[in-house]
């Protein structure tokens, strides 16, 4: 019998976002776009456990920016983008059906 391991939502997010964050941690523009993407996904994701994964990746992106990005203005933009994300337990703005 063949068994195939299937990833869960957290694993899917890890596969999508870890590589981008790690390879672009020195690029404020890419980290800003990553945070914007996470914010867009949160506007349609209704499940709190999935929203928590998105928030986790937003926190990781901000943390990478704080460590690597040297320009204080860029770090301020990253902080503002992270602050713009809704809370994991907030209701989404829209739900895709």
N, C-alpha and C. Protein backbone atom coordinates (compact mmCIF):
# COMPACT_ATOMS: atom_id res chain seq x y z
N UNK A 1 0.84 -1.17 0.00
CA UNK A 1 0.00 0.00 0.00
C UNK A 1 0.89 1.24 0.00
N UNK A 2 0.55 2.17 -0.84
CA UNK A 2 1.31 3.41 -0.96
C UNK A 2 0.73 4.46 -0.01
N UNK A 3 1.58 5.04 0.80
CA UNK A 3 1.17 6.12 1.68
C UNK A 3 1.90 7.38 1.25
N UNK A 4 1.15 8.42 1.06
CA UNK A 4 1.74 9.69 0.67
C UNK A 4 1.44 10.71 1.75
N UNK A 5 2.48 11.32 2.23
CA UNK A 5 2.31 12.32 3.27
C UNK A 5 1.77 13.61 2.65
N UNK A 6 0.75 14.15 3.25
CA UNK A 6 0.13 15.37 2.75
C UNK A 6 0.41 16.49 3.75
N UNK A 7 0.77 17.65 3.23
CA UNK A 7 1.06 18.76 4.11
C UNK A 7 -0.23 19.41 4.60
N UNK A 8 -0.12 20.10 5.70
CA UNK A 8 -1.25 20.85 6.22
C UNK A 8 -1.08 22.33 5.85
N UNK A 9 -1.97 23.17 6.30
CA UNK A 9 -1.93 24.59 5.94
C UNK A 9 -0.64 25.24 6.43
N UNK A 10 -0.21 24.90 7.63
CA UNK A 10 1.04 25.46 8.16
C UNK A 10 2.22 25.06 7.27
N UNK A 11 2.25 23.82 6.85
CA UNK A 11 3.32 23.36 5.97
C UNK A 11 3.29 24.05 4.62
N UNK A 12 2.10 24.26 4.12
CA UNK A 12 1.96 24.98 2.86
C UNK A 12 2.47 26.42 2.99
N UNK A 13 2.08 27.09 4.06
CA UNK A 13 2.57 28.46 4.30
C UNK A 13 4.08 28.47 4.46
N UNK A 14 4.61 27.51 5.20
CA UNK A 14 6.07 27.42 5.36
C UNK A 14 6.76 27.28 4.01
N UNK A 15 6.22 26.40 3.17
CA UNK A 15 6.83 26.19 1.85
C UNK A 15 6.78 27.45 1.00
N UNK A 16 5.71 28.20 1.11
CA UNK A 16 5.57 29.41 0.30
C UNK A 16 6.37 30.58 0.83
N UNK A 17 6.33 30.79 2.13
CA UNK A 17 6.84 32.05 2.68
C UNK A 17 8.24 31.99 3.28
N UNK A 18 8.67 30.84 3.81
CA UNK A 18 10.02 30.76 4.39
C UNK A 18 11.09 31.08 3.36
N UNK A 19 10.99 30.47 2.19
CA UNK A 19 12.02 30.65 1.18
C UNK A 19 12.10 32.11 0.72
N UNK A 20 10.95 32.72 0.52
CA UNK A 20 10.93 34.13 0.10
C UNK A 20 11.58 34.99 1.18
N UNK A 21 11.15 34.79 2.42
CA UNK A 21 11.68 35.61 3.52
C UNK A 21 13.18 35.41 3.69
N UNK A 22 13.63 34.18 3.67
CA UNK A 22 15.05 33.91 3.91
C UNK A 22 15.93 34.45 2.78
N UNK A 23 15.47 34.33 1.55
CA UNK A 23 16.27 34.78 0.42
C UNK A 23 16.18 36.28 0.18
N UNK A 24 15.18 36.92 0.75
CA UNK A 24 15.00 38.35 0.50
C UNK A 24 15.04 39.16 1.78
N UNK A 25 15.57 38.60 2.84
CA UNK A 25 15.54 39.31 4.12
C UNK A 25 16.29 40.63 4.09
N UNK A 26 17.23 40.78 3.17
CA UNK A 26 17.96 42.04 3.05
C UNK A 26 17.30 43.03 2.12
N UNK A 27 16.17 42.67 1.56
CA UNK A 27 15.47 43.53 0.62
C UNK A 27 14.16 44.03 1.24
N UNK A 28 14.16 45.27 1.70
CA UNK A 28 12.94 45.79 2.31
C UNK A 28 11.73 45.73 1.36
N UNK A 29 11.96 45.98 0.07
CA UNK A 29 10.85 45.97 -0.88
C UNK A 29 10.18 44.60 -0.93
N UNK A 30 10.96 43.54 -0.93
CA UNK A 30 10.38 42.19 -0.98
C UNK A 30 9.67 41.86 0.33
N UNK A 31 10.25 42.24 1.45
CA UNK A 31 9.59 41.99 2.73
C UNK A 31 8.28 42.77 2.84
N UNK A 32 8.26 43.99 2.34
CA UNK A 32 7.03 44.79 2.34
C UNK A 32 5.97 44.10 1.49
N UNK A 33 6.35 43.63 0.30
CA UNK A 33 5.40 42.93 -0.57
C UNK A 33 4.91 41.64 0.08
N UNK A 34 5.80 40.96 0.80
CA UNK A 34 5.39 39.74 1.51
C UNK A 34 4.32 40.08 2.54
N UNK A 35 4.54 41.13 3.31
CA UNK A 35 3.55 41.53 4.31
C UNK A 35 2.24 41.95 3.65
N UNK A 36 2.32 42.63 2.52
CA UNK A 36 1.10 43.01 1.80
C UNK A 36 0.35 41.78 1.30
N UNK A 37 1.08 40.79 0.84
CA UNK A 37 0.45 39.55 0.38
C UNK A 37 -0.25 38.84 1.53
N UNK A 38 0.41 38.77 2.66
CA UNK A 38 -0.20 38.14 3.83
C UNK A 38 -1.47 38.89 4.24
N UNK A 39 -1.42 40.21 4.17
CA UNK A 39 -2.60 41.00 4.51
C UNK A 39 -3.76 40.70 3.55
N UNK A 40 -3.46 40.59 2.26
CA UNK A 40 -4.51 40.28 1.27
C UNK A 40 -5.13 38.91 1.53
N UNK A 41 -4.29 37.94 1.84
CA UNK A 41 -4.82 36.60 2.12
C UNK A 41 -5.71 36.63 3.35
N UNK A 42 -5.32 37.40 4.34
CA UNK A 42 -6.12 37.48 5.57
C UNK A 42 -7.48 38.10 5.34
N UNK A 43 -7.63 38.89 4.30
CA UNK A 43 -8.94 39.51 4.04
C UNK A 43 -9.96 38.49 3.57
N UNK A 44 -9.51 37.32 3.12
CA UNK A 44 -10.44 36.31 2.65
C UNK A 44 -10.38 35.00 3.45
N UNK A 45 -9.41 34.85 4.32
CA UNK A 45 -9.28 33.61 5.10
C UNK A 45 -10.13 33.71 6.36
N UNK A 46 -11.07 32.82 6.52
CA UNK A 46 -12.00 32.87 7.64
C UNK A 46 -11.57 32.01 8.83
N UNK A 47 -10.75 31.00 8.61
CA UNK A 47 -10.43 30.06 9.69
C UNK A 47 -9.35 30.64 10.61
N UNK A 48 -9.66 30.76 11.89
CA UNK A 48 -8.72 31.38 12.83
C UNK A 48 -7.35 30.70 12.89
N UNK A 49 -7.31 29.37 12.77
CA UNK A 49 -6.02 28.68 12.85
C UNK A 49 -5.17 29.00 11.61
N UNK A 50 -5.80 29.21 10.49
CA UNK A 50 -5.07 29.59 9.29
C UNK A 50 -4.62 31.04 9.37
N UNK A 51 -5.48 31.88 9.90
CA UNK A 51 -5.12 33.29 10.08
C UNK A 51 -3.92 33.40 11.03
N UNK A 52 -3.89 32.54 12.05
CA UNK A 52 -2.76 32.54 12.99
C UNK A 52 -1.45 32.19 12.27
N UNK A 53 -1.51 31.28 11.30
CA UNK A 53 -0.31 30.94 10.52
C UNK A 53 0.16 32.14 9.71
N UNK A 54 -0.78 32.87 9.13
CA UNK A 54 -0.43 34.06 8.35
C UNK A 54 0.20 35.13 9.24
N UNK A 55 -0.35 35.30 10.44
CA UNK A 55 0.22 36.25 11.40
C UNK A 55 1.62 35.81 11.80
N UNK A 56 1.81 34.51 11.98
CA UNK A 56 3.14 34.00 12.34
C UNK A 56 4.16 34.36 11.27
N UNK A 57 3.79 34.21 10.02
CA UNK A 57 4.72 34.54 8.94
C UNK A 57 4.94 36.05 8.83
N UNK A 58 3.93 36.83 9.14
CA UNK A 58 4.11 38.29 9.17
C UNK A 58 5.11 38.67 10.26
N UNK A 59 4.99 38.04 11.42
CA UNK A 59 5.93 38.31 12.51
C UNK A 59 7.36 37.90 12.13
N UNK A 60 7.49 36.78 11.43
CA UNK A 60 8.81 36.34 10.98
C UNK A 60 9.40 37.32 9.97
N UNK A 61 8.58 37.84 9.08
CA UNK A 61 9.06 38.82 8.09
C UNK A 61 9.52 40.10 8.78
N UNK A 62 8.74 40.56 9.74
CA UNK A 62 9.14 41.76 10.48
C UNK A 62 10.42 41.51 11.26
N UNK A 63 10.53 40.37 11.88
CA UNK A 63 11.73 40.04 12.63
C UNK A 63 12.97 40.01 11.72
N UNK A 64 12.83 39.42 10.54
CA UNK A 64 13.95 39.39 9.59
C UNK A 64 14.33 40.80 9.19
N UNK A 65 13.35 41.64 8.95
CA UNK A 65 13.63 43.03 8.59
C UNK A 65 14.34 43.79 9.68
N UNK A 66 13.92 43.57 10.92
CA UNK A 66 14.57 44.27 12.04
C UNK A 66 16.03 43.86 12.18
N UNK A 67 16.33 42.62 11.87
CA UNK A 67 17.70 42.12 12.02
C UNK A 67 18.60 42.56 10.88
N UNK A 68 18.10 42.52 9.65
CA UNK A 68 18.95 42.69 8.47
C UNK A 68 18.87 44.08 7.84
N UNK A 69 17.69 44.67 7.82
CA UNK A 69 17.51 45.95 7.13
C UNK A 69 18.14 47.06 7.96
N UNK A 70 18.98 47.84 7.32
CA UNK A 70 19.74 48.89 8.03
C UNK A 70 19.05 50.23 8.05
N UNK A 71 18.25 50.54 7.05
CA UNK A 71 17.61 51.85 6.96
C UNK A 71 16.43 51.94 7.92
N UNK A 72 16.47 52.84 8.91
CA UNK A 72 15.37 52.97 9.87
C UNK A 72 14.03 53.28 9.21
N UNK A 73 14.05 54.01 8.10
CA UNK A 73 12.80 54.32 7.40
C UNK A 73 12.17 53.05 6.84
N UNK A 74 13.00 52.16 6.30
CA UNK A 74 12.49 50.90 5.78
C UNK A 74 11.94 50.02 6.90
N UNK A 75 12.62 50.00 8.03
CA UNK A 75 12.14 49.22 9.18
C UNK A 75 10.80 49.80 9.66
N UNK A 76 10.67 51.10 9.64
CA UNK A 76 9.40 51.74 10.05
C UNK A 76 8.26 51.33 9.11
N UNK A 77 8.55 51.24 7.82
CA UNK A 77 7.53 50.80 6.86
C UNK A 77 7.13 49.36 7.14
N UNK A 78 8.12 48.51 7.41
CA UNK A 78 7.82 47.11 7.74
C UNK A 78 6.94 47.02 8.98
N UNK A 79 7.27 47.80 10.00
CA UNK A 79 6.46 47.80 11.23
C UNK A 79 5.04 48.25 10.94
N UNK A 80 4.89 49.27 10.11
CA UNK A 80 3.56 49.77 9.77
C UNK A 80 2.76 48.74 8.99
N UNK A 81 3.42 48.04 8.05
CA UNK A 81 2.73 47.00 7.28
C UNK A 81 2.29 45.86 8.20
N UNK A 82 3.16 45.49 9.14
CA UNK A 82 2.79 44.42 10.09
C UNK A 82 1.63 44.88 10.96
N UNK A 83 1.67 46.13 11.41
CA UNK A 83 0.60 46.65 12.25
C UNK A 83 -0.73 46.72 11.51
N UNK A 84 -0.68 46.83 10.19
CA UNK A 84 -1.90 46.91 9.39
C UNK A 84 -2.63 45.58 9.27
N UNK A 85 -1.94 44.49 9.57
CA UNK A 85 -2.59 43.18 9.49
C UNK A 85 -3.65 43.05 10.56
N UNK A 86 -4.80 42.50 10.21
CA UNK A 86 -5.81 42.26 11.23
C UNK A 86 -5.35 41.16 12.19
N UNK A 87 -5.95 41.12 13.33
CA UNK A 87 -5.63 40.07 14.31
C UNK A 87 -6.08 38.72 13.79
N UNK A 88 -5.44 37.68 14.27
CA UNK A 88 -5.77 36.32 13.83
C UNK A 88 -7.22 35.97 14.14
N UNK A 89 -7.76 36.52 15.22
CA UNK A 89 -9.13 36.17 15.60
C UNK A 89 -10.16 37.17 15.08
N UNK A 90 -9.73 38.14 14.25
CA UNK A 90 -10.67 39.09 13.65
C UNK A 90 -11.42 38.43 12.51
N UNK A 91 -12.60 38.92 12.23
CA UNK A 91 -13.39 38.40 11.11
C UNK A 91 -12.77 38.92 9.81
N UNK A 92 -12.71 38.07 8.80
CA UNK A 92 -12.19 38.53 7.50
C UNK A 92 -13.13 39.55 6.88
N UNK A 93 -12.57 40.37 6.00
CA UNK A 93 -13.38 41.38 5.32
C UNK A 93 -14.31 40.75 4.29
N UNK A 94 -13.83 39.69 3.65
CA UNK A 94 -14.62 39.01 2.62
C UNK A 94 -14.33 37.52 2.70
N UNK A 95 -15.23 36.73 2.25
CA UNK A 95 -15.02 35.28 2.26
C UNK A 95 -15.22 34.76 0.85
N UNK A 96 -14.24 34.04 0.35
CA UNK A 96 -14.37 33.39 -0.96
C UNK A 96 -15.19 32.12 -0.80
N UNK A 97 -16.06 31.87 -1.69
CA UNK A 97 -16.89 30.64 -1.62
C UNK A 97 -16.60 29.77 -2.80
